[in-house]
Amino acid sequence: MMHNIDGLAAGDLTVRMDATPYRETEQMSVAFNHMADHLEALFAEVYEQGILLRDAEFRLLESQIRPHFIFNVLELINIRCLEAGQNSICRMVSNLAQLIRANITHKHEQTISFREELRYVRYYLELQKERFGDSLTYSIDLEDPSILDYSIPKLTIQPLVENSIVHGLEPKRGGGAVRIGIWEDEDAIYIRITDDGVGFDASQLTLDIHNNAPAAGASHNHIALANIARRIQLLYGSKYGMKIVSSPGNGTTITVTVPALPPHAERKDDNA
């Protein structure tokens, strides 16, 4: 027994005591083996967590290096375009650089101001205008400029606008329009994104926060919409979220509701 105890103390987690014919020593043997099993399991868990932490640190470092590198290259291209008088290309590069800058600047923030979110929405829409030209029109109607100082979960409006263009207007011949309306009513902010695209069967999509399984036939872009709705409800409670009205051939209207909160404030209404 002393030999096994010394072995465990020296770091050998494989040592175990054999059964003994005496009740007192058998209890010691069982307790020792349970302790050794527990220590071995803990060591394996800590070792695995250390590996995962190291890998996570490497990935974090890579995620920080890559956007900065791309952003710096885009800035260089922008300067060269200015020097060459290529104003149209310069605008495209500048808008793309600003979108990447947003990812770097607000990487670890849950919420940002409407002012910042709409700035990135405009960068994205201007990039798409370069692709589609006059076949794409858009409008942003803000009821009250004071809304710009309220907070919204980061990357809420831009992905919805992207969904309207990529999955609503791109498959439609002749282009179309995206309209964004934002207003305040009874301490809540409403964001409505409307497109006249191809639409889809909204019955395929569930926005229930407690249902993580996609409905049968739901496509990847529909799942992304559900994820945004669930993120809003997790942040603010079930009173807030998203409503989608759409049908094939009739476009899509998405209405998002968030609380009227100052920038970077978060609240979850558990009584909702």
Protein backbone atom coordinates (compact mmCIF):
# COMPACT_ATOMS: atom_id res chain seq x y z
CA MET A 1 0.00 0.00 0.00
CA MET A 2 2.78 2.44 0.87
CA HIS A 3 4.49 1.63 -2.43
CA ASN A 4 1.27 2.51 -4.34
CA ILE A 5 0.75 5.68 -2.31
CA ASP A 6 4.32 6.77 -3.05
CA GLY A 7 3.78 5.98 -6.75
CA LEU A 8 0.64 8.13 -6.90
CA ALA A 9 2.40 10.94 -5.06
CA ALA A 10 5.19 10.77 -7.66
CA GLY A 11 2.65 11.28 -10.45
CA ASP A 12 1.91 7.72 -11.59
CA LEU A 13 -1.88 7.83 -12.04
CA THR A 14 -2.03 4.21 -13.21
CA VAL A 15 -1.26 2.63 -9.82
CA ARG A 16 -4.12 0.76 -8.14
CA MET A 17 -4.30 -1.29 -4.94
CA ASP A 18 -5.13 -4.98 -5.00
CA ALA A 19 -7.94 -6.48 -2.95
CA THR A 20 -7.02 -7.51 0.59
CA PRO A 21 -8.61 -10.06 2.95
CA TYR A 22 -8.95 -7.54 5.79
CA ARG A 23 -11.98 -5.23 6.11
CA GLU A 24 -10.01 -2.16 7.23
CA THR A 25 -7.38 -2.41 4.53
CA GLU A 26 -10.01 -3.27 1.91
CA GLN A 27 -11.83 0.00 2.69
CA MET A 28 -8.51 1.84 2.30
CA SER A 29 -7.85 0.03 -0.98
CA VAL A 30 -11.28 0.88 -2.43
CA ALA A 31 -11.01 4.53 -1.33
CA PHE A 32 -7.51 4.81 -2.81
CA ASN A 33 -8.60 3.35 -6.14
CA HIS A 34 -11.61 5.67 -6.32
CA MET A 35 -9.35 8.63 -5.62
CA ALA A 36 -6.85 7.48 -8.27
CA ASP A 37 -9.65 7.03 -10.83
CA HIS A 38 -10.96 10.51 -10.06
CA LEU A 39 -7.51 12.09 -10.33
CA GLU A 40 -6.82 10.34 -13.63
CA ALA A 41 -10.15 11.56 -15.04
CA LEU A 42 -9.48 15.11 -13.84
CA PHE A 43 -6.00 15.08 -15.34
CA ALA A 44 -7.36 13.89 -18.69
CA GLU A 45 -10.04 16.61 -18.62
CA VAL A 46 -7.57 19.36 -17.76
CA TYR A 47 -5.18 18.14 -20.46
CA GLU A 48 -7.95 18.14 -23.07
CA GLN A 49 -9.09 21.61 -22.00
CA GLY A 50 -5.51 22.82 -22.31
CA ILE A 51 -5.32 21.51 -25.88
CA LEU A 52 -8.66 23.13 -26.75
CA LEU A 53 -7.58 26.41 -25.16
CA ARG A 54 -4.34 26.41 -27.11
CA ASP A 55 -6.19 25.71 -30.36
CA ALA A 56 -8.73 28.44 -29.55
CA GLU A 57 -5.90 30.92 -28.92
CA PHE A 58 -4.34 30.03 -32.29
CA ARG A 59 -7.69 30.47 -34.05
CA LEU A 60 -8.28 33.79 -32.28
CA LEU A 61 -4.86 34.99 -33.36
CA GLU A 62 -5.54 33.92 -36.95
CA SER A 63 -8.98 35.59 -36.93
CA GLN A 64 -7.33 38.82 -35.78
CA ILE A 65 -4.47 38.68 -38.28
CA ARG A 66 -6.52 37.85 -41.39
CA PRO A 67 -9.03 40.74 -41.25
CA HIS A 68 -6.29 43.22 -40.42
CA PHE A 69 -4.17 41.96 -43.31
CA ILE A 70 -7.09 42.10 -45.76
CA PHE A 71 -8.10 45.55 -44.50
CA ASN A 72 -4.56 46.89 -44.95
CA VAL A 73 -4.35 45.46 -48.48
CA LEU A 74 -7.70 47.06 -49.36
CA GLU A 75 -6.50 50.39 -48.03
CA LEU A 76 -3.43 50.12 -50.24
CA ILE A 77 -5.59 49.27 -53.27
CA ASN A 78 -7.81 52.24 -52.43
CA ILE A 79 -4.83 54.61 -52.42
CA ARG A 80 -3.61 53.25 -55.77
CA CYS A 81 -7.10 53.67 -57.27
CA LEU A 82 -7.25 57.27 -56.05
CA GLU A 83 -3.87 57.95 -57.62
CA ALA A 84 -5.06 56.44 -60.90
CA GLY A 85 -8.34 58.36 -60.85
CA GLN A 86 -10.46 55.19 -60.66
CA ASN A 87 -13.18 56.72 -58.49
CA SER A 88 -15.76 53.99 -59.04
CA ILE A 89 -13.37 51.22 -58.02
CA CYS A 90 -12.21 53.40 -55.13
CA ARG A 91 -15.76 53.59 -53.76
CA MET A 92 -16.18 49.84 -53.98
CA VAL A 93 -12.91 49.15 -52.20
CA SER A 94 -13.67 51.74 -49.54
CA ASN A 95 -17.12 50.27 -48.81
CA LEU A 96 -15.70 46.76 -48.58
CA ALA A 97 -12.91 47.98 -46.29
CA GLN A 98 -15.46 49.63 -44.01
CA LEU A 99 -17.43 46.39 -43.71
CA ILE A 100 -14.27 44.56 -42.69
CA ARG A 101 -13.36 47.34 -40.28
CA ALA A 102 -16.77 46.86 -38.60
CA ASN A 103 -15.98 43.21 -38.01
CA ILE A 104 -12.66 44.13 -36.40
CA THR A 105 -13.89 47.10 -34.35
CA HIS A 106 -16.98 45.42 -32.85
CA LYS A 107 -15.74 41.85 -32.82
CA HIS A 108 -16.58 41.15 -29.17
CA GLU A 109 -19.66 43.39 -28.78
CA GLN A 110 -23.21 42.06 -28.62
CA THR A 111 -24.88 45.37 -29.48
CA ILE A 112 -24.03 48.53 -31.37
CA SER A 113 -25.95 51.73 -32.13
CA PHE A 114 -28.44 51.98 -34.98
CA ARG A 115 -26.16 54.66 -36.41
CA GLU A 116 -23.32 52.16 -36.77
CA GLU A 117 -25.52 49.29 -37.97
CA LEU A 118 -27.14 51.44 -40.67
CA ARG A 119 -23.75 52.71 -41.76
CA TYR A 120 -22.70 49.14 -42.53
CA VAL A 121 -26.04 48.46 -44.21
CA ARG A 122 -25.37 51.37 -46.58
CA TYR A 123 -21.85 50.11 -47.31
CA TYR A 124 -23.32 46.73 -48.21
CA LEU A 125 -26.11 48.19 -50.35
CA GLU A 126 -23.70 50.43 -52.26
CA LEU A 127 -21.52 47.40 -53.01
CA GLN A 128 -24.58 45.59 -54.36
CA LYS A 129 -25.52 48.66 -56.41
CA GLU A 130 -22.17 48.32 -58.16
CA ARG A 131 -23.20 44.80 -59.15
CA PHE A 132 -26.81 45.40 -60.16
CA GLY A 133 -26.70 49.05 -61.26
CA ASP A 134 -30.11 50.64 -61.81
CA SER A 135 -31.87 47.26 -61.52
CA LEU A 136 -31.50 47.52 -57.74
CA THR A 137 -33.12 50.33 -55.79
CA TYR A 138 -33.26 50.77 -52.05
CA SER A 139 -34.53 53.21 -49.45
CA ILE A 140 -33.96 53.70 -45.71
CA ASP A 141 -36.79 55.53 -43.94
CA LEU A 142 -35.98 56.55 -40.35
CA GLU A 143 -39.00 58.00 -38.51
CA ASP A 144 -36.97 59.90 -35.89
CA PRO A 145 -33.20 60.62 -35.97
CA SER A 146 -33.04 60.02 -32.20
CA ILE A 147 -33.41 56.29 -32.95
CA LEU A 148 -29.85 56.37 -34.27
CA ASP A 149 -28.63 56.53 -30.67
CA TYR A 150 -30.51 53.41 -29.55
CA SER A 151 -28.82 50.02 -29.51
CA ILE A 152 -29.45 46.95 -31.63
CA PRO A 153 -27.83 43.50 -31.69
CA LYS A 154 -24.85 43.66 -34.01
CA LEU A 155 -25.44 42.30 -37.51
CA THR A 156 -29.23 42.29 -37.35
CA ILE A 157 -30.32 44.50 -40.26
CA GLN A 158 -27.45 43.85 -42.68
CA PRO A 159 -27.94 40.04 -42.87
CA LEU A 160 -31.68 40.56 -43.42
CA VAL A 161 -31.00 43.02 -46.24
CA GLU A 162 -28.48 40.54 -47.68
CA ASN A 163 -31.12 37.81 -47.50
CA SER A 164 -33.57 40.03 -49.41
CA ILE A 165 -31.08 40.70 -52.19
CA VAL A 166 -29.40 37.31 -52.53
CA HIS A 167 -32.45 35.08 -52.05
CA GLY A 168 -35.23 37.46 -53.06
CA LEU A 169 -34.00 39.72 -55.87
CA GLU A 170 -31.14 37.80 -57.48
CA PRO A 171 -33.38 34.95 -58.71
CA LYS A 172 -35.88 37.48 -60.08
CA ARG A 173 -35.52 38.81 -63.61
CA GLY A 174 -35.30 42.57 -63.90
CA GLY A 175 -34.06 43.28 -60.38
CA GLY A 176 -36.20 44.91 -57.73
CA ALA A 177 -36.28 47.05 -54.61
CA VAL A 178 -35.45 46.75 -50.93
CA ARG A 179 -37.10 49.13 -48.48
CA ILE A 180 -36.07 49.58 -44.85
CA GLY A 181 -38.37 51.36 -42.42
CA ILE A 182 -37.53 52.04 -38.77
CA TRP A 183 -39.84 53.58 -36.16
CA GLU A 184 -40.49 53.67 -32.40
CA ASP A 185 -43.72 52.73 -30.67
CA GLU A 186 -44.32 52.17 -26.91
CA ASP A 187 -40.68 51.76 -25.85
CA ALA A 188 -39.90 49.38 -28.72
CA ILE A 189 -38.10 49.89 -32.02
CA TYR A 190 -39.54 48.29 -35.14
CA ILE A 191 -37.42 47.52 -38.22
CA ARG A 192 -39.21 46.45 -41.38
CA ILE A 193 -37.31 45.11 -44.41
CA THR A 194 -39.45 44.64 -47.50
CA ASP A 195 -38.47 43.32 -50.91
CA ASP A 196 -40.43 42.58 -54.08
CA GLY A 197 -38.41 39.44 -54.85
CA VAL A 198 -39.42 35.87 -55.51
CA GLY A 199 -40.55 35.19 -51.93
CA PHE A 200 -40.70 31.79 -50.24
CA ASP A 201 -43.03 29.58 -48.25
CA ALA A 202 -42.79 31.08 -44.76
CA SER A 203 -44.50 28.03 -43.24
CA GLN A 204 -41.16 26.19 -43.63
CA LEU A 205 -39.60 28.47 -41.04
CA THR A 206 -40.04 28.35 -37.27
CA LEU A 207 -38.90 31.25 -35.10
CA ASP A 208 -39.63 29.49 -31.80
CA ILE A 209 -36.72 30.10 -29.41
CA HIS A 210 -37.24 26.66 -27.88
CA ASN A 211 -37.13 24.84 -31.21
CA ASN A 212 -33.59 24.52 -32.58
CA ALA A 213 -34.50 22.00 -35.27
CA PRO A 214 -35.16 23.46 -38.75
CA ALA A 215 -38.46 22.62 -40.37
CA ALA A 216 -38.44 20.05 -43.15
CA GLY A 217 -37.34 21.67 -46.38
CA ALA A 218 -35.95 24.78 -44.69
CA SER A 219 -32.94 26.09 -46.58
CA HIS A 220 -29.73 27.50 -45.15
CA ASN A 221 -30.83 31.12 -45.56
CA HIS A 222 -34.08 30.41 -43.71
CA ILE A 223 -32.13 28.88 -40.82
CA ALA A 224 -30.01 32.05 -40.70
CA LEU A 225 -33.20 34.11 -40.30
CA ALA A 226 -34.31 31.90 -37.43
CA ASN A 227 -30.93 32.30 -35.75
CA ILE A 228 -31.27 36.10 -35.78
CA ALA A 229 -34.75 35.85 -34.25
CA ARG A 230 -33.54 33.53 -31.50
CA ARG A 231 -30.58 35.77 -30.72
CA ILE A 232 -32.92 38.74 -30.20
CA GLN A 233 -35.15 36.71 -27.90
CA LEU A 234 -32.21 35.40 -25.90
CA LEU A 235 -30.96 38.97 -25.40
CA TYR A 236 -34.28 40.67 -24.65
CA GLY A 237 -36.95 38.05 -23.94
CA SER A 238 -39.84 36.50 -25.84
CA LYS A 239 -41.66 39.85 -26.16
CA TYR A 240 -39.20 40.78 -28.91
CA GLY A 241 -38.11 39.00 -32.06
CA MET A 242 -39.03 38.70 -35.71
CA LYS A 243 -42.12 38.22 -37.85
CA ILE A 244 -41.91 37.10 -41.49
CA VAL A 245 -44.62 37.38 -44.12
CA SER A 246 -43.77 35.79 -47.46
CA SER A 247 -45.13 33.56 -50.17
CA PRO A 248 -43.73 32.41 -53.53
CA GLY A 249 -43.94 35.19 -56.11
CA ASN A 250 -45.08 37.89 -53.66
CA GLY A 251 -41.88 39.15 -52.05
CA THR A 252 -40.98 39.12 -48.38
CA THR A 253 -41.61 41.42 -45.42
CA ILE A 254 -39.58 40.95 -42.24
CA THR A 255 -40.45 42.94 -39.12
CA VAL A 256 -37.99 42.95 -36.23
CA THR A 257 -38.83 44.25 -32.75
CA VAL A 258 -36.20 45.26 -30.20
CA PRO A 259 -36.46 47.36 -27.00
CA ALA A 260 -35.67 51.07 -27.14
CA LEU A 261 -32.37 51.04 -25.26
CA PRO A 262 -29.36 53.38 -25.23
CA PRO A 263 -26.21 52.17 -27.04
CA HIS A 264 -24.61 48.96 -25.71
CA ALA A 265 -27.37 48.39 -23.13
CA GLU A 266 -28.89 44.94 -22.85
CA ARG A 267 -32.11 43.86 -21.19
CA LYS A 268 -33.99 40.60 -21.03
CA ASP A 269 -37.65 40.84 -20.09
CA ASP A 270 -38.17 37.60 -18.20
CA ASN A 271 -41.78 38.49 -17.42
CA ALA A 272 -42.72 38.89 -21.06
